[in-house]
Protein backbone atom coordinates (compact mmCIF):
# COMPACT_ATOMS: atom_id res chain seq x y z
CA UNK A 1 12.97 14.80 -28.51
CA UNK A 2 10.51 14.60 -31.77
CA UNK A 3 11.80 12.59 -34.97
CA UNK A 4 10.29 10.71 -38.27
CA UNK A 5 11.74 7.87 -40.17
CA UNK A 6 10.26 6.25 -43.23
CA UNK A 7 8.87 2.94 -42.90
CA UNK A 8 7.65 0.90 -46.06
CA UNK A 9 7.69 4.01 -48.10
CA UNK A 10 5.77 6.17 -45.84
CA UNK A 11 6.61 8.75 -42.78
CA UNK A 12 6.37 7.61 -39.52
CA UNK A 13 6.72 10.33 -36.68
CA UNK A 14 7.50 9.30 -33.02
CA UNK A 15 8.69 11.05 -29.69
CA UNK A 16 11.22 9.65 -27.46
CA UNK A 17 12.39 10.15 -23.80
CA UNK A 18 13.59 7.98 -21.16
CA UNK A 19 17.23 6.16 -20.48
CA UNK A 20 19.27 5.20 -24.06
CA UNK A 21 20.29 2.08 -23.66
CA UNK A 22 17.90 0.67 -21.49
CA UNK A 23 14.97 -2.13 -22.66
CA UNK A 24 12.52 -0.35 -25.42
CA UNK A 25 9.10 0.07 -24.56
CA UNK A 26 6.76 1.49 -27.34
CA UNK A 27 3.44 3.46 -26.30
CA UNK A 28 0.56 3.04 -28.91
CA UNK A 29 -2.21 5.65 -28.36
CA UNK A 30 -5.86 5.90 -28.89
CA UNK A 31 -7.60 7.01 -32.19
CA UNK A 32 -7.97 9.75 -33.15
CA UNK A 33 -5.04 11.43 -30.71
CA UNK A 34 -0.95 11.26 -31.35
CA UNK A 35 1.71 10.34 -28.85
CA UNK A 36 1.28 13.61 -27.13
CA UNK A 37 -1.37 12.26 -25.62
CA UNK A 38 0.39 9.69 -23.70
CA UNK A 39 3.17 12.35 -21.99
CA UNK A 40 1.98 10.95 -18.69
CA UNK A 41 2.39 7.31 -19.15
CA UNK A 42 5.75 8.01 -20.53
CA UNK A 43 6.38 9.95 -18.15
CA UNK A 44 5.98 7.10 -15.54
CA UNK A 45 8.06 5.02 -17.63
CA UNK A 46 11.18 6.95 -18.41
CA UNK A 47 13.37 6.36 -15.39
CA UNK A 48 13.69 2.96 -16.22
CA UNK A 49 12.82 2.66 -19.91
CA UNK A 50 13.97 3.69 -23.73
CA UNK A 51 10.41 5.10 -24.58
CA UNK A 52 9.05 5.79 -27.92
CA UNK A 53 5.29 6.86 -28.65
CA UNK A 54 4.90 6.45 -32.21
CA UNK A 55 1.93 8.49 -34.27
CA UNK A 56 0.60 5.58 -35.58
CA UNK A 57 -0.20 5.52 -39.39
CA UNK A 58 -3.05 8.09 -40.46
CA UNK A 59 -2.73 9.74 -36.82
CA UNK A 60 -0.68 12.46 -35.75
CA UNK A 61 1.83 13.84 -38.47
CA UNK A 62 2.41 9.89 -39.63
CA UNK A 63 1.06 9.35 -43.28
CA UNK A 64 -1.68 6.83 -43.28
CA UNK A 65 -1.26 3.37 -44.83
CA UNK A 66 -1.90 2.81 -48.31
CA UNK A 67 -4.65 0.12 -47.79
CA UNK A 68 -7.91 0.33 -48.64
CA UNK A 69 -9.75 -0.46 -45.35
CA UNK A 70 -6.86 -1.83 -43.30
CA UNK A 71 -7.13 -4.06 -40.21
CA UNK A 72 -5.53 -4.63 -37.07
CA UNK A 73 -3.35 -6.90 -38.16
CA UNK A 74 -1.81 -4.40 -41.22
CA UNK A 75 -1.58 -1.82 -38.01
CA UNK A 76 0.99 -4.52 -36.11
CA UNK A 77 2.76 -5.17 -39.14
CA UNK A 78 3.55 -1.63 -39.85
CA UNK A 79 4.81 -1.72 -36.30
CA UNK A 80 6.83 -4.27 -36.41
CA UNK A 81 8.26 -2.69 -39.85
CA UNK A 82 8.77 0.54 -37.50
CA UNK A 83 10.68 -2.00 -34.80
CA UNK A 84 12.87 -2.96 -37.63
CA UNK A 85 13.93 0.25 -38.94
CA UNK A 86 14.75 1.74 -35.39
CA UNK A 87 17.05 -1.37 -34.53
CA UNK A 88 14.78 -2.70 -32.07
CA UNK A 89 14.81 -6.74 -32.03
CA UNK A 90 12.20 -6.77 -28.95
CA UNK A 91 10.06 -4.26 -27.04
CA UNK A 92 7.83 -3.89 -24.74
CA UNK A 93 4.03 -2.74 -25.73
CA UNK A 94 1.77 -0.23 -23.91
CA UNK A 95 -1.59 -0.05 -25.60
CA UNK A 96 -4.64 2.51 -25.07
CA UNK A 97 -7.55 1.61 -26.64
CA UNK A 98 -6.91 1.29 -30.41
CA UNK A 99 -3.39 0.56 -29.42
CA UNK A 100 -4.26 -1.83 -27.05
CA UNK A 101 -5.49 -3.85 -30.01
CA UNK A 102 -2.87 -3.32 -32.33
CA UNK A 103 -0.19 -4.20 -29.49
CA UNK A 104 -2.24 -7.54 -29.23
CA UNK A 105 -2.31 -8.03 -32.88
CA UNK A 106 1.67 -7.48 -32.98
CA UNK A 107 2.09 -10.18 -30.23
CA UNK A 108 0.06 -12.56 -31.88
CA UNK A 109 1.97 -11.95 -35.46
CA UNK A 110 5.58 -12.06 -33.62
CA UNK A 111 5.47 -13.26 -29.91
CA UNK A 112 9.33 -13.56 -30.04
CA UNK A 113 9.57 -9.35 -30.99
CA UNK A 114 7.16 -8.75 -28.08
CA UNK A 115 8.47 -8.86 -24.38
CA UNK A 116 5.62 -7.70 -22.42
CA UNK A 117 2.30 -6.18 -23.28
CA UNK A 118 0.32 -3.85 -20.93
CA UNK A 119 -3.20 -2.91 -22.34
CA UNK A 120 -4.81 -0.12 -21.09
CA UNK A 121 -8.67 -0.45 -22.01
CA UNK A 122 -9.26 -3.44 -24.12
CA UNK A 123 -11.95 -3.30 -26.67
CA UNK A 124 -14.47 -6.27 -26.85
CA UNK A 125 -17.42 -5.58 -29.30
CA UNK A 126 -20.61 -7.79 -29.61
CA UNK A 127 -21.52 -8.36 -32.94
CA UNK A 128 -24.40 -5.55 -32.65
CA UNK A 129 -22.11 -2.80 -31.20
CA UNK A 130 -19.33 -3.85 -33.90
CA UNK A 131 -21.85 -3.33 -36.60
CA UNK A 132 -23.32 0.47 -34.90
CA UNK A 133 -19.58 1.61 -34.93
CA UNK A 134 -18.41 0.56 -38.50
CA UNK A 135 -21.79 2.05 -39.59
CA UNK A 136 -22.04 5.30 -37.77
CA UNK A 137 -19.12 6.14 -35.30
CA UNK A 138 -16.77 7.87 -38.19
CA UNK A 139 -18.01 11.30 -39.79
CA UNK A 140 -15.74 13.27 -41.81
CA UNK A 141 -17.10 16.83 -42.37
CA UNK A 142 -16.14 18.34 -45.49
CA UNK A 143 -15.00 21.87 -45.42
CA UNK A 144 -17.21 24.33 -46.24
CA UNK A 145 -17.25 27.91 -47.23
CA UNK A 146 -18.05 29.38 -44.18
CA UNK A 147 -16.27 27.36 -41.41
CA UNK A 148 -19.20 25.98 -39.80
CA UNK A 149 -17.79 22.39 -40.29
CA UNK A 150 -15.35 23.49 -37.59
CA UNK A 151 -18.25 24.08 -35.22
CA UNK A 152 -19.82 20.58 -35.59
CA UNK A 153 -16.28 19.10 -35.22
CA UNK A 154 -15.76 20.97 -31.97
CA UNK A 155 -19.22 19.68 -31.02
CA UNK A 156 -18.35 16.14 -31.78
CA UNK A 157 -15.19 16.22 -29.74
CA UNK A 158 -17.20 17.40 -27.01
CA UNK A 159 -19.95 14.65 -27.12
CA UNK A 160 -17.31 12.36 -27.01
CA UNK A 161 -16.36 13.32 -23.52
CA UNK A 162 -20.06 12.94 -22.29
CA UNK A 163 -21.38 9.96 -24.31
CA UNK A 164 -19.73 6.52 -25.80
CA UNK A 165 -20.54 5.95 -28.28
CA UNK A 166 -20.52 9.97 -29.08
CA UNK A 167 -23.47 9.72 -31.24
CA UNK A 168 -25.80 7.98 -28.60
CA UNK A 169 -27.12 10.44 -26.15
CA UNK A 170 -28.74 8.08 -24.00
CA UNK A 171 -28.13 7.55 -20.30
CA UNK A 172 -26.54 4.26 -20.52
CA UNK A 173 -23.95 5.76 -22.83
CA UNK A 174 -23.30 8.78 -20.39
CA UNK A 175 -19.87 8.58 -18.79
CA UNK A 176 -18.73 10.31 -15.60
CA UNK A 177 -15.83 11.80 -16.72
CA UNK A 178 -13.79 15.40 -15.11
CA UNK A 179 -14.17 18.32 -16.66
CA UNK A 180 -11.32 18.21 -19.44
CA UNK A 181 -9.22 20.63 -19.30
CA UNK A 182 -9.42 23.31 -22.35
CA UNK A 183 -5.96 22.62 -23.26
CA UNK A 184 -6.27 19.19 -23.93
CA UNK A 185 -9.28 19.74 -26.01
CA UNK A 186 -7.32 22.20 -27.87
CA UNK A 187 -4.49 19.31 -28.49
CA UNK A 188 -7.77 16.92 -29.49
CA UNK A 189 -8.62 19.21 -31.95
CA UNK A 190 -5.23 19.55 -33.51
CA UNK A 191 -4.72 16.17 -33.53
CA UNK A 192 -8.39 15.52 -35.21
CA UNK A 193 -7.98 18.33 -37.72
CA UNK A 194 -3.95 16.93 -38.55
CA UNK A 195 -5.38 13.25 -39.27
CA UNK A 196 -8.30 14.60 -41.36
CA UNK A 197 -9.93 12.28 -43.78
CA UNK A 198 -6.94 9.39 -42.33
CA UNK A 199 -8.97 9.39 -38.96
CA UNK A 200 -11.84 6.71 -39.98
CA UNK A 201 -9.16 3.61 -40.58
CA UNK A 202 -7.43 3.30 -37.79
CA UNK A 203 -10.85 3.42 -35.98
CA UNK A 204 -12.08 0.72 -38.56
CA UNK A 205 -9.66 -1.42 -37.88
CA UNK A 206 -10.59 -1.57 -34.06
CA UNK A 207 -13.77 -1.93 -34.59
CA UNK A 208 -13.25 -4.85 -36.81
CA UNK A 209 -11.17 -6.34 -34.57
CA UNK A 210 -12.52 -9.27 -32.02
CA UNK A 211 -11.25 -9.25 -28.67
CA UNK A 212 -11.93 -12.21 -27.54
CA UNK A 213 -9.07 -13.30 -30.01
CA UNK A 214 -5.53 -13.05 -28.11
CA UNK A 215 -6.04 -12.85 -24.43
CA UNK A 216 -7.64 -16.42 -24.78
CA UNK A 217 -4.21 -17.77 -26.23
CA UNK A 218 -1.06 -15.17 -26.25
CA UNK A 219 1.95 -16.65 -24.80
CA UNK A 220 3.44 -12.69 -24.00
CA UNK A 221 3.01 -11.79 -20.60
CA UNK A 222 0.06 -9.26 -20.66
CA UNK A 223 -1.82 -7.10 -17.95
CA UNK A 224 -5.07 -6.30 -19.33
CA UNK A 225 -7.10 -3.75 -17.33
CA UNK A 226 -8.98 -0.44 -17.30
CA UNK A 227 -9.58 2.49 -14.76
CA UNK A 228 -12.98 2.66 -13.67
CA UNK A 229 -14.14 6.02 -15.60
CA UNK A 230 -13.18 4.06 -18.88
CA UNK A 231 -15.97 2.98 -20.48
CA UNK A 232 -13.91 -0.05 -21.67
CA UNK A 233 -13.60 -1.16 -18.34
CA UNK A 234 -17.32 -2.80 -18.82
CA UNK A 235 -15.81 -5.34 -21.71
CA UNK A 236 -13.31 -7.02 -18.86
CA UNK A 237 -16.04 -9.42 -17.96
CA UNK A 238 -16.64 -10.07 -21.54
CA UNK A 239 -13.53 -11.71 -22.10
CA UNK A 240 -14.81 -15.62 -22.27
CA UNK A 241 -11.51 -16.97 -21.52
CA UNK A 242 -7.56 -15.54 -20.87
CA UNK A 243 -4.32 -17.63 -21.22
CA UNK A 244 -2.02 -18.16 -18.21
CA UNK A 245 0.03 -15.47 -19.85
CA UNK A 246 -2.65 -12.80 -19.06
CA UNK A 247 -3.56 -10.85 -15.58
CA UNK A 248 -6.98 -8.83 -15.51
CA UNK A 249 -6.25 -5.62 -13.36
CA UNK A 250 -9.31 -3.56 -12.19
CA UNK A 251 -7.62 -0.19 -11.30
CA UNK A 252 -10.74 1.87 -9.80
CA UNK A 253 -10.03 5.41 -9.87
CA UNK A 254 -6.19 5.40 -8.68
CA UNK A 255 -4.07 6.29 -11.98
CA UNK A 256 -1.05 6.67 -10.28
CA UNK A 257 -1.30 3.03 -8.88
CA UNK A 258 -2.16 1.82 -12.30
CA UNK A 259 0.98 3.53 -14.00
CA UNK A 260 2.81 2.03 -11.32
CA UNK A 261 1.49 -1.30 -11.98
CA UNK A 262 1.88 -1.06 -15.73
CA UNK A 263 5.72 0.28 -15.06
CA UNK A 264 6.37 -2.83 -12.42
CA UNK A 265 4.98 -5.35 -15.13
CA UNK A 266 6.94 -4.03 -18.02
CA UNK A 267 9.87 -4.09 -16.02
CA UNK A 268 9.72 -7.57 -14.97
CA UNK A 269 9.63 -8.70 -18.15
CA UNK A 270 12.10 -6.47 -20.18
CA UNK A 271 12.56 -5.83 -24.09
CA UNK A 272 15.85 -5.16 -25.58
CA UNK A 273 17.75 -2.39 -26.17
CA UNK A 274 17.99 -0.59 -29.22
CA UNK A 275 21.00 -1.42 -31.62
CA UNK A 276 21.05 2.20 -32.32
CA UNK A 277 19.90 5.35 -30.22
CA UNK A 278 19.89 7.58 -32.81
CA UNK A 279 18.23 6.00 -36.07
CA UNK A 280 18.67 8.21 -38.94
CA UNK A 281 16.05 10.96 -39.12
CA UNK A 282 15.59 13.05 -42.11
CA UNK A 283 15.08 16.60 -40.92
CA UNK A 284 13.96 17.32 -44.49
CA UNK A 285 11.27 14.89 -44.04
CA UNK A 286 10.34 15.74 -40.00
CA UNK A 287 9.92 19.41 -41.24
CA UNK A 288 7.90 18.57 -44.02
CA UNK A 289 5.16 16.49 -41.50
CA UNK A 290 3.76 19.97 -40.21
CA UNK A 291 4.39 23.65 -40.96
CA UNK A 292 2.93 25.66 -38.20
CA UNK A 293 2.17 29.29 -38.58
CA UNK A 294 1.81 31.10 -35.27
CA UNK A 295 -0.87 33.74 -35.42
CA UNK A 296 -2.03 36.47 -33.47
CA UNK A 297 -5.42 37.83 -32.37
CA UNK A 298 -6.95 34.34 -31.33
CA UNK A 299 -7.27 32.24 -28.02
CA UNK A 300 -9.36 29.09 -27.35
CA UNK A 301 -12.59 29.33 -25.54
CA UNK A 302 -14.67 26.56 -23.65
CA UNK A 303 -17.47 26.46 -26.72
CA UNK A 304 -15.42 26.35 -29.89
CA UNK A 305 -16.36 30.01 -31.12
CA UNK A 306 -12.79 30.73 -31.67
CA UNK A 307 -12.93 28.50 -34.49
CA UNK A 308 -15.56 30.44 -36.76
CA UNK A 309 -13.39 33.86 -35.28
CA UNK A 310 -9.98 32.52 -36.92
CA UNK A 311 -11.93 31.26 -40.23
CA UNK A 312 -13.26 34.47 -40.56
CA UNK A 313 -10.47 36.64 -39.95
CA UNK A 314 -8.45 34.49 -42.46
CA UNK A 315 -10.74 34.89 -44.91
CA UNK A 316 -11.57 38.51 -44.74
CA UNK A 317 -7.55 39.00 -44.84
CA UNK A 318 -7.36 36.62 -48.11
CA UNK A 319 -10.04 39.04 -49.76
CA UNK A 320 -8.53 42.06 -48.87
CA UNK A 321 -5.00 41.18 -49.87
CA UNK A 322 -6.27 39.16 -53.13
CA UNK A 323 -4.20 40.66 -56.21
CA UNK A 324 -6.83 38.90 -58.78
CA UNK A 325 -9.70 36.45 -59.02
CA UNK A 326 -7.29 33.38 -59.85
CA UNK A 327 -5.27 33.98 -56.55
CA UNK A 328 -8.44 34.65 -54.61
CA UNK A 329 -10.57 31.30 -55.91
CA UNK A 330 -7.32 29.52 -54.78
CA UNK A 331 -7.20 31.45 -51.27
CA UNK A 332 -10.60 30.75 -50.64
CA UNK A 333 -10.30 26.91 -51.52
CA UNK A 334 -11.79 25.69 -48.34
CA UNK A 335 -9.55 23.06 -47.69
CA UNK A 336 -6.58 25.80 -48.59
CA UNK A 337 -8.30 27.62 -45.43
CA UNK A 338 -8.55 24.65 -43.15
CA UNK A 339 -4.93 24.18 -43.53
CA UNK A 340 -4.04 27.77 -42.08
CA UNK A 341 -6.76 27.38 -39.17
CA UNK A 342 -4.87 24.04 -38.53
CA UNK A 343 -1.10 25.65 -38.89
CA UNK A 344 -1.98 28.25 -36.52
CA UNK A 345 -3.33 25.89 -34.06
CA UNK A 346 -0.62 23.48 -33.86
CA UNK A 347 1.64 26.28 -33.37
CA UNK A 348 -0.42 27.04 -30.48
CA UNK A 349 -0.42 23.39 -29.33
CA UNK A 350 2.99 22.75 -30.10
CA UNK A 351 3.66 19.50 -32.37
């Protein structure tokens, strides 16, 4: 099920699955994605937990934090406020990449609220990496009249599946990843377009965070690991010290085994059940977060050319139907056109 609640005056969108009344596990996705990226993790946990995946602020359908340059602690405080609204006194946390840093920050801020941590890819940046990522990694492509910015976005997302960092085309940055299905790439594009200019803030918070802080001192039972294909697997040896509460795992290529170990860890240190399984969700708030618009005559392709076709077709329809110059100017505004492209992709992928 999907829901939306207001946290500190801003909308937070979430997905919920599993067993009502069971201990709560909250899933925190990486950037710039949404909770839908963690369907596989939710499926592995749903038989024994009340699983809640939220779109973290500024990602998916959740509003960004009203702060000029938030850090990981700010996202952690927002998570704790979300738990308050949802009636969750104590929960297990699963975090992937950006979400792993937020989870660790939450455990340091309020260890009494966090039953266990399962961190799947945890960043420990060097000073040089941090400076470079903050300076060059996040790029917002301003919409232009001919839609060519969409091609740049598609290629940017493709490059992220080849190199890490994406803007470092070197052999030592090349990843050995299997071909990503087109449906998954389209979902990532949807998340990117939906978040739009809000997407850099969560990334910057993750880049600014010092990964040495947390594993060296946390009292929360922590399973910290990475898959062999994860570029952050090379960060595990960078941990200079870990507390007795931290277990470091190297999962190799066995994803099912990793999910089983994560589930067992969270089950060994369960959180509490939510005080209500039905927090008040404002239907109007949920409906206002996105307005998908189904559209015929297009389908995704491997090279992203469908985006330029979709943009062109929408533009020509607007020109043909415009009742006057004022209406034409408004409809051809690149941001307005982009909203229509985003709505079509949201309808195709679902929310």
